[in-house]
Amino acid sequence: MKAVLLGIDGLSYTSFMKCSPRFLFTLFSSTFRGVVSNKRPQFPYSSWLSILEMQDVNQNGFLPVGSVINTKLLSETGAIPINLPITDPTFGKYSIKYSSDVDFEEEINSVVKAILENVKEAPVIADITAIDRVLHHNRDPNLKCKIYQAVDHAVKRIVSEVDDFIIFSPYGEPLSEEEGNHEDYGVYLSTMPRPKEHDVVKLPEIGKLFLQLVKGY
């Protein structure tokens, strides 16, 4: 089974109508969907560590580069990490500096390539940081929709090559240049149903759901 947990930091339902990502719309109508809840302040490192440890983690800043990282979810699934924003540069098979200077197309294309190269061997846990990195510092709506279209194309390529997936955002779009200031609600699209149909999805639950998906229970 080829399974991927793909985070897209800053992806927001509010921009679906503005930017019309066609494939994401298709997933919205054809897969299990929901809303991820994460109240401010929301930081990439604490949000992702809450997923990877499957419990709420209050982390003050990125983990040190070169530190031993073997979170509970990575250990129990044997998943390959790609571009996870728990260190700066990011952690995994592909890594970038967490900065708006990194070209969004370069990141997105490289993450897709790394996922497709590795998902045949083991489950993959990956992240695309472009929306969050860029929109914190540039609110141009045309640029936003260019990033959304690139993300949409990337998701289509990935979904066509895997058996099961969870695609989510740990929080919504940036609301200002202030780090940690995002919309409180992110996206959940998956072949795996939510724990409770009418409830929001919490960050630790995303990790638990991926573990269930990989283990088949």
C-alpha atoms as a PDB file:
ATOM      1  CA  MET A   1       0.000   0.000   0.000  1.00  0.00           C
ATOM      2  CA  LYS A   2       1.306   3.420  -0.988  1.00  0.00           C
ATOM      3  CA  ALA A   3       0.240   5.965   1.638  1.00  0.00           C
ATOM      4  CA  VAL A   4       1.072   9.642   2.089  1.00  0.00           C
ATOM      5  CA  LEU A   5       0.372  12.218   4.774  1.00  0.00           C
ATOM      6  CA  LEU A   6       0.723  15.559   3.007  1.00  0.00           C
ATOM      7  CA  GLY A   7       0.575  18.849   4.852  1.00  0.00           C
ATOM      8  CA  ILE A   8       0.032  22.088   2.924  1.00  0.00           C
ATOM      9  CA  ASP A   9       0.655  24.803   5.472  1.00  0.00           C
ATOM     10  CA  GLY A  10      -1.737  27.734   5.113  1.00  0.00           C
ATOM     11  CA  LEU A  11      -4.148  26.056   2.676  1.00  0.00           C
ATOM     12  CA  SER A  12      -7.583  27.558   3.299  1.00  0.00           C
ATOM     13  CA  TYR A  13     -11.138  26.795   2.217  1.00  0.00           C
ATOM     14  CA  THR A  14     -11.727  30.565   2.017  1.00  0.00           C
ATOM     15  CA  SER A  15      -9.448  30.791  -1.021  1.00  0.00           C
ATOM     16  CA  PHE A  16     -10.960  27.838  -2.887  1.00  0.00           C
ATOM     17  CA  MET A  17     -13.620  30.058  -4.463  1.00  0.00           C
ATOM     18  CA  LYS A  18     -11.123  32.836  -5.192  1.00  0.00           C
ATOM     19  CA  CYS A  19      -8.445  30.674  -6.791  1.00  0.00           C
ATOM     20  CA  SER A  20     -10.522  27.713  -8.076  1.00  0.00           C
ATOM     21  CA  PRO A  21      -8.074  24.812  -7.583  1.00  0.00           C
ATOM     22  CA  ARG A  22      -9.907  22.306  -9.777  1.00  0.00           C
ATOM     23  CA  PHE A  23      -8.466  19.053  -8.493  1.00  0.00           C
ATOM     24  CA  LEU A  24      -8.880  20.053  -4.851  1.00  0.00           C
ATOM     25  CA  PHE A  25     -12.521  20.821  -5.658  1.00  0.00           C
ATOM     26  CA  THR A  26     -12.810  17.305  -7.081  1.00  0.00           C
ATOM     27  CA  LEU A  27     -11.385  15.816  -3.879  1.00  0.00           C
ATOM     28  CA  PHE A  28     -13.732  17.986  -1.851  1.00  0.00           C
ATOM     29  CA  SER A  29     -16.713  16.317  -3.515  1.00  0.00           C
ATOM     30  CA  SER A  30     -15.318  12.772  -3.781  1.00  0.00           C
ATOM     31  CA  THR A  31     -13.390  12.030  -0.550  1.00  0.00           C
ATOM     32  CA  PHE A  32     -13.844  12.360   3.192  1.00  0.00           C
ATOM     33  CA  ARG A  33     -13.495  16.017   4.116  1.00  0.00           C
ATOM     34  CA  GLY A  34     -13.491  18.145   7.207  1.00  0.00           C
ATOM     35  CA  VAL A  35     -12.026  21.109   9.047  1.00  0.00           C
ATOM     36  CA  VAL A  36      -8.811  21.137  11.060  1.00  0.00           C
ATOM     37  CA  SER A  37      -9.024  23.278  14.195  1.00  0.00           C
ATOM     38  CA  ASN A  38      -5.929  25.018  15.564  1.00  0.00           C
ATOM     39  CA  LYS A  39      -6.287  28.199  17.594  1.00  0.00           C
ATOM     40  CA  ARG A  40      -3.802  31.082  17.488  1.00  0.00           C
ATOM     41  CA  PRO A  41      -0.917  31.379  17.827  1.00  0.00           C
ATOM     42  CA  GLN A  42      -0.077  28.641  15.316  1.00  0.00           C
ATOM     43  CA  PHE A  43       3.535  27.906  14.428  1.00  0.00           C
ATOM     44  CA  PRO A  44       4.757  25.280  11.953  1.00  0.00           C
ATOM     45  CA  TYR A  45       7.082  23.547  14.410  1.00  0.00           C
ATOM     46  CA  SER A  46       4.609  23.163  17.298  1.00  0.00           C
ATOM     47  CA  SER A  47       1.754  22.245  14.939  1.00  0.00           C
ATOM     48  CA  TRP A  48       3.770  19.569  13.171  1.00  0.00           C
ATOM     49  CA  LEU A  49       5.256  18.152  16.353  1.00  0.00           C
ATOM     50  CA  SER A  50       1.707  17.792  17.740  1.00  0.00           C
ATOM     51  CA  ILE A  51       0.929  15.648  14.696  1.00  0.00           C
ATOM     52  CA  LEU A  52       4.172  13.670  14.782  1.00  0.00           C
ATOM     53  CA  GLU A  53       3.943  12.945  18.525  1.00  0.00           C
ATOM     54  CA  MET A  54       0.143  12.396  18.363  1.00  0.00           C
ATOM     55  CA  GLN A  55      -0.338  14.669  21.352  1.00  0.00           C
ATOM     56  CA  ASP A  56      -0.346  18.432  21.915  1.00  0.00           C
ATOM     57  CA  VAL A  57       3.197  19.805  21.947  1.00  0.00           C
ATOM     58  CA  ASN A  58       4.108  23.330  23.005  1.00  0.00           C
ATOM     59  CA  GLN A  59       7.420  23.808  21.232  1.00  0.00           C
ATOM     60  CA  ASN A  60       9.182  27.184  21.487  1.00  0.00           C
ATOM     61  CA  GLY A  61      10.970  27.460  18.162  1.00  0.00           C
ATOM     62  CA  PHE A  62      12.421  25.045  15.614  1.00  0.00           C
ATOM     63  CA  LEU A  63      14.317  22.004  16.879  1.00  0.00           C
ATOM     64  CA  PRO A  64      18.107  22.249  16.508  1.00  0.00           C
ATOM     65  CA  VAL A  65      19.409  21.124  13.122  1.00  0.00           C
ATOM     66  CA  GLY A  66      21.266  17.840  13.522  1.00  0.00           C
ATOM     67  CA  SER A  67      19.371  16.794  16.643  1.00  0.00           C
ATOM     68  CA  VAL A  68      18.118  13.228  16.881  1.00  0.00           C
ATOM     69  CA  ILE A  69      14.537  13.224  15.621  1.00  0.00           C
ATOM     70  CA  ASN A  70      12.476  10.058  15.951  1.00  0.00           C
ATOM     71  CA  THR A  71       8.938  11.064  16.764  1.00  0.00           C
ATOM     72  CA  LYS A  72       6.280   8.540  17.718  1.00  0.00           C
ATOM     73  CA  LEU A  73       4.482   8.679  14.346  1.00  0.00           C
ATOM     74  CA  LEU A  74       7.664   8.300  12.298  1.00  0.00           C
ATOM     75  CA  SER A  75       8.788   5.425  14.508  1.00  0.00           C
ATOM     76  CA  GLU A  76       5.494   3.506  14.493  1.00  0.00           C
ATOM     77  CA  THR A  77       4.787   3.896  10.768  1.00  0.00           C
ATOM     78  CA  GLY A  78       8.359   3.688   9.445  1.00  0.00           C
ATOM     79  CA  ALA A  79       7.436   6.688   7.298  1.00  0.00           C
ATOM     80  CA  ILE A  80       9.953   8.662   5.259  1.00  0.00           C
ATOM     81  CA  PRO A  81       9.973  12.386   6.220  1.00  0.00           C
ATOM     82  CA  ILE A  82      10.138  15.026   3.493  1.00  0.00           C
ATOM     83  CA  ASN A  83      10.452  18.798   4.078  1.00  0.00           C
ATOM     84  CA  LEU A  84       8.936  18.815   7.584  1.00  0.00           C
ATOM     85  CA  PRO A  85       9.115  22.288   9.206  1.00  0.00           C
ATOM     86  CA  ILE A  86      10.239  21.143  12.635  1.00  0.00           C
ATOM     87  CA  THR A  87      13.808  22.285  11.976  1.00  0.00           C
ATOM     88  CA  ASP A  88      15.151  25.171   9.879  1.00  0.00           C
ATOM     89  CA  PRO A  89      16.196  24.089   7.245  1.00  0.00           C
ATOM     90  CA  THR A  90      13.319  21.638   7.131  1.00  0.00           C
ATOM     91  CA  PHE A  91      13.702  17.972   8.091  1.00  0.00           C
ATOM     92  CA  GLY A  92      13.737  15.010   5.758  1.00  0.00           C
ATOM     93  CA  LYS A  93      14.731  13.702   2.340  1.00  0.00           C
ATOM     94  CA  TYR A  94      14.188  17.147   0.836  1.00  0.00           C
ATOM     95  CA  SER A  95      15.039  20.244   2.836  1.00  0.00           C
ATOM     96  CA  ILE A  96      14.788  24.030   2.396  1.00  0.00           C
ATOM     97  CA  LYS A  97      15.422  27.135   4.437  1.00  0.00           C
ATOM     98  CA  TYR A  98      12.142  28.273   6.003  1.00  0.00           C
ATOM     99  CA  SER A  99      12.198  31.634   4.234  1.00  0.00           C
ATOM    100  CA  SER A 100      10.052  33.541   1.736  1.00  0.00           C
ATOM    101  CA  ASP A 101      13.154  33.760  -0.469  1.00  0.00           C
ATOM    102  CA  VAL A 102      12.798  30.102  -1.500  1.00  0.00           C
ATOM    103  CA  ASP A 103      10.953  29.889  -4.837  1.00  0.00           C
ATOM    104  CA  PHE A 104       7.535  28.276  -4.385  1.00  0.00           C
ATOM    105  CA  GLU A 105       7.665  26.333  -7.659  1.00  0.00           C
ATOM    106  CA  GLU A 106      11.072  24.908  -6.806  1.00  0.00           C
ATOM    107  CA  GLU A 107       9.808  23.685  -3.431  1.00  0.00           C
ATOM    108  CA  ILE A 108       6.547  22.231  -4.732  1.00  0.00           C
ATOM    109  CA  ASN A 109       8.140  20.393  -7.648  1.00  0.00           C
ATOM    110  CA  SER A 110      10.928  19.027  -5.442  1.00  0.00           C
ATOM    111  CA  VAL A 111       8.501  17.787  -2.772  1.00  0.00           C
ATOM    112  CA  VAL A 112       6.399  16.003  -5.404  1.00  0.00           C
ATOM    113  CA  LYS A 113       9.508  14.402  -6.894  1.00  0.00           C
ATOM    114  CA  ALA A 114      10.699  13.226  -3.471  1.00  0.00           C
ATOM    115  CA  ILE A 115       7.290  11.779  -2.592  1.00  0.00           C
ATOM    116  CA  LEU A 116       6.977   9.845  -5.839  1.00  0.00           C
ATOM    117  CA  GLU A 117      10.532   8.524  -5.529  1.00  0.00           C
ATOM    118  CA  ASN A 118      10.001   7.223  -1.986  1.00  0.00           C
ATOM    119  CA  VAL A 119       6.350   6.243  -1.548  1.00  0.00           C
ATOM    120  CA  LYS A 120       6.868   2.897  -3.313  1.00  0.00           C
ATOM    121  CA  GLU A 121       9.289   1.891  -0.547  1.00  0.00           C
ATOM    122  CA  ALA A 122       7.467   3.125   2.577  1.00  0.00           C
ATOM    123  CA  PRO A 123       4.737   5.494   3.763  1.00  0.00           C
ATOM    124  CA  VAL A 124       5.646   9.168   3.350  1.00  0.00           C
ATOM    125  CA  ILE A 125       5.020  12.166   5.597  1.00  0.00           C
ATOM    126  CA  ALA A 126       5.657  15.380   3.676  1.00  0.00           C
ATOM    127  CA  ASP A 127       4.915  19.077   3.751  1.00  0.00           C
ATOM    128  CA  ILE A 128       4.568  21.962   1.307  1.00  0.00           C
ATOM    129  CA  THR A 129       5.314  25.239   3.090  1.00  0.00           C
ATOM    130  CA  ALA A 130       4.949  27.648   0.137  1.00  0.00           C
ATOM    131  CA  ILE A 131       1.575  29.221   0.969  1.00  0.00           C
ATOM    132  CA  ASP A 132       2.586  29.931   4.546  1.00  0.00           C
ATOM    133  CA  ARG A 133       6.122  31.106   3.783  1.00  0.00           C
ATOM    134  CA  VAL A 134       5.203  33.442   0.943  1.00  0.00           C
ATOM    135  CA  LEU A 135       1.828  34.888   1.981  1.00  0.00           C
ATOM    136  CA  HIS A 136       3.083  36.008   5.377  1.00  0.00           C
ATOM    137  CA  HIS A 137       5.107  38.623   3.533  1.00  0.00           C
ATOM    138  CA  ASN A 138       3.279  39.107   0.228  1.00  0.00           C
ATOM    139  CA  ARG A 139      -0.507  39.471   0.142  1.00  0.00           C
ATOM    140  CA  ASP A 140      -0.776  39.833  -3.650  1.00  0.00           C
ATOM    141  CA  PRO A 141      -3.959  37.890  -4.586  1.00  0.00           C
ATOM    142  CA  ASN A 142      -2.588  37.038  -8.026  1.00  0.00           C
ATOM    143  CA  LEU A 143       0.510  35.492  -6.482  1.00  0.00           C
ATOM    144  CA  LYS A 144      -1.644  33.581  -4.019  1.00  0.00           C
ATOM    145  CA  CYS A 145      -3.670  32.029  -6.831  1.00  0.00           C
ATOM    146  CA  LYS A 146      -0.488  31.120  -8.727  1.00  0.00           C
ATOM    147  CA  ILE A 147       0.686  29.197  -5.668  1.00  0.00           C
ATOM    148  CA  TYR A 148      -2.721  27.556  -5.275  1.00  0.00           C
ATOM    149  CA  GLN A 149      -2.652  26.409  -8.894  1.00  0.00           C
ATOM    150  CA  ALA A 150       0.847  24.960  -8.436  1.00  0.00           C
ATOM    151  CA  VAL A 151      -0.287  23.180  -5.268  1.00  0.00           C
ATOM    152  CA  ASP A 152      -3.396  21.890  -7.038  1.00  0.00           C
ATOM    153  CA  HIS A 153      -1.315  20.396  -9.844  1.00  0.00           C
ATOM    154  CA  ALA A 154       1.051  18.839  -7.299  1.00  0.00           C
ATOM    155  CA  VAL A 155      -1.786  17.219  -5.353  1.00  0.00           C
ATOM    156  CA  LYS A 156      -3.191  15.742  -8.564  1.00  0.00           C
ATOM    157  CA  ARG A 157       0.181  14.191  -9.415  1.00  0.00           C
ATOM    158  CA  ILE A 158       0.556  12.713  -5.941  1.00  0.00           C
ATOM    159  CA  VAL A 159      -2.987  11.357  -5.550  1.00  0.00           C
ATOM    160  CA  SER A 160      -2.801   9.633  -8.929  1.00  0.00           C
ATOM    161  CA  GLU A 161       0.209   7.614  -7.716  1.00  0.00           C
ATOM    162  CA  VAL A 162      -0.863   6.548  -4.201  1.00  0.00           C
ATOM    163  CA  ASP A 163      -3.469   4.246  -2.710  1.00  0.00           C
ATOM    164  CA  ASP A 164      -4.391   6.214   0.407  1.00  0.00           C
ATOM    165  CA  PHE A 165      -3.782   9.751   1.555  1.00  0.00           C
ATOM    166  CA  ILE A 166      -4.456  12.413   4.124  1.00  0.00           C
ATOM    167  CA  ILE A 167      -4.087  15.934   2.747  1.00  0.00           C
ATOM    168  CA  PHE A 168      -4.468  18.680   5.299  1.00  0.00           C
ATOM    169  CA  SER A 169      -3.412  22.099   6.467  1.00  0.00           C
ATOM    170  CA  PRO A 170      -2.542  22.536  10.162  1.00  0.00           C
ATOM    171  CA  TYR A 171      -4.014  26.070  10.067  1.00  0.00           C
ATOM    172  CA  GLY A 172      -5.495  28.472   7.524  1.00  0.00           C
ATOM    173  CA  GLU A 173      -3.886  31.316   5.612  1.00  0.00           C
ATOM    174  CA  PRO A 174      -1.608  33.894   7.238  1.00  0.00           C
ATOM    175  CA  LEU A 175      -3.539  36.972   8.375  1.00  0.00           C
ATOM    176  CA  SER A 176      -0.554  39.302   8.704  1.00  0.00           C
ATOM    177  CA  GLU A 177       3.245  39.334   8.720  1.00  0.00           C
ATOM    178  CA  GLU A 178       3.172  38.303  12.378  1.00  0.00           C
ATOM    179  CA  GLU A 179       4.381  34.728  12.779  1.00  0.00           C
ATOM    180  CA  GLY A 180       1.740  32.504  14.354  1.00  0.00           C
ATOM    181  CA  ASN A 181      -1.158  34.627  13.089  1.00  0.00           C
ATOM    182  CA  HIS A 182      -3.306  32.480  10.792  1.00  0.00           C
ATOM    183  CA  GLU A 183      -6.919  31.579  10.278  1.00  0.00           C
ATOM    184  CA  ASP A 184      -7.967  29.122  12.976  1.00  0.00           C
ATOM    185  CA  TYR A 185      -9.222  26.478  10.557  1.00  0.00           C
ATOM    186  CA  GLY A 186      -7.436  24.339   7.999  1.00  0.00           C
ATOM    187  CA  VAL A 187      -8.399  21.720   5.436  1.00  0.00           C
ATOM    188  CA  TYR A 188      -8.857  17.945   5.751  1.00  0.00           C
ATOM    189  CA  LEU A 189      -9.267  15.761   2.628  1.00  0.00           C
ATOM    190  CA  SER A 190      -8.655  12.030   2.852  1.00  0.00           C
ATOM    191  CA  THR A 191      -9.434   8.434   2.024  1.00  0.00           C
ATOM    192  CA  MET A 192      -9.642   8.085   5.827  1.00  0.00           C
ATOM    193  CA  PRO A 193     -12.842   9.308   7.540  1.00  0.00           C
ATOM    194  CA  ARG A 194     -12.691  11.661  10.495  1.00  0.00           C
ATOM    195  CA  PRO A 195     -13.106  10.200  14.003  1.00  0.00           C
ATOM    196  CA  LYS A 196     -16.464  11.955  14.425  1.00  0.00           C
ATOM    197  CA  GLU A 197     -18.322  13.046  11.319  1.00  0.00           C
ATOM    198  CA  HIS A 198     -19.578  16.371  12.626  1.00  0.00           C
ATOM    199  CA  ASP A 199     -16.564  17.406  14.715  1.00  0.00           C
ATOM    200  CA  VAL A 200     -13.461  19.344  13.725  1.00  0.00           C
ATOM    201  CA  VAL A 201     -10.161  17.466  13.463  1.00  0.00           C
ATOM    202  CA  LYS A 202      -7.467  18.225  16.049  1.00  0.00           C
ATOM    203  CA  LEU A 203      -3.765  18.044  15.209  1.00  0.00           C
ATOM    204  CA  PRO A 204      -2.934  14.917  17.283  1.00  0.00           C
ATOM    205  CA  GLU A 205      -5.865  13.141  15.620  1.00  0.00           C
ATOM    206  CA  ILE A 206      -4.249  13.628  12.201  1.00  0.00           C
ATOM    207  CA  GLY A 207      -1.232  11.645  13.337  1.00  0.00           C
ATOM    208  CA  LYS A 208      -3.428   8.949  14.849  1.00  0.00           C
ATOM    209  CA  LEU A 209      -5.508   8.707  11.686  1.00  0.00           C
ATOM    210  CA  PHE A 210      -2.405   8.236   9.545  1.00  0.00           C
ATOM    211  CA  LEU A 211      -1.151   5.536  11.904  1.00  0.00           C
ATOM    212  CA  GLN A 212      -4.489   3.735  11.562  1.00  0.00           C
ATOM    213  CA  LEU A 213      -4.355   4.130   7.783  1.00  0.00           C
ATOM    214  CA  VAL A 214      -0.864   2.633   7.570  1.00  0.00           C
ATOM    215  CA  LYS A 215      -1.508  -0.156  10.066  1.00  0.00           C
ATOM    216  CA  GLY A 216      -4.903  -0.994   8.580  1.00  0.00           C
ATOM    217  CA  TYR A 217      -7.044  -0.768  11.719  1.00  0.00           C
END
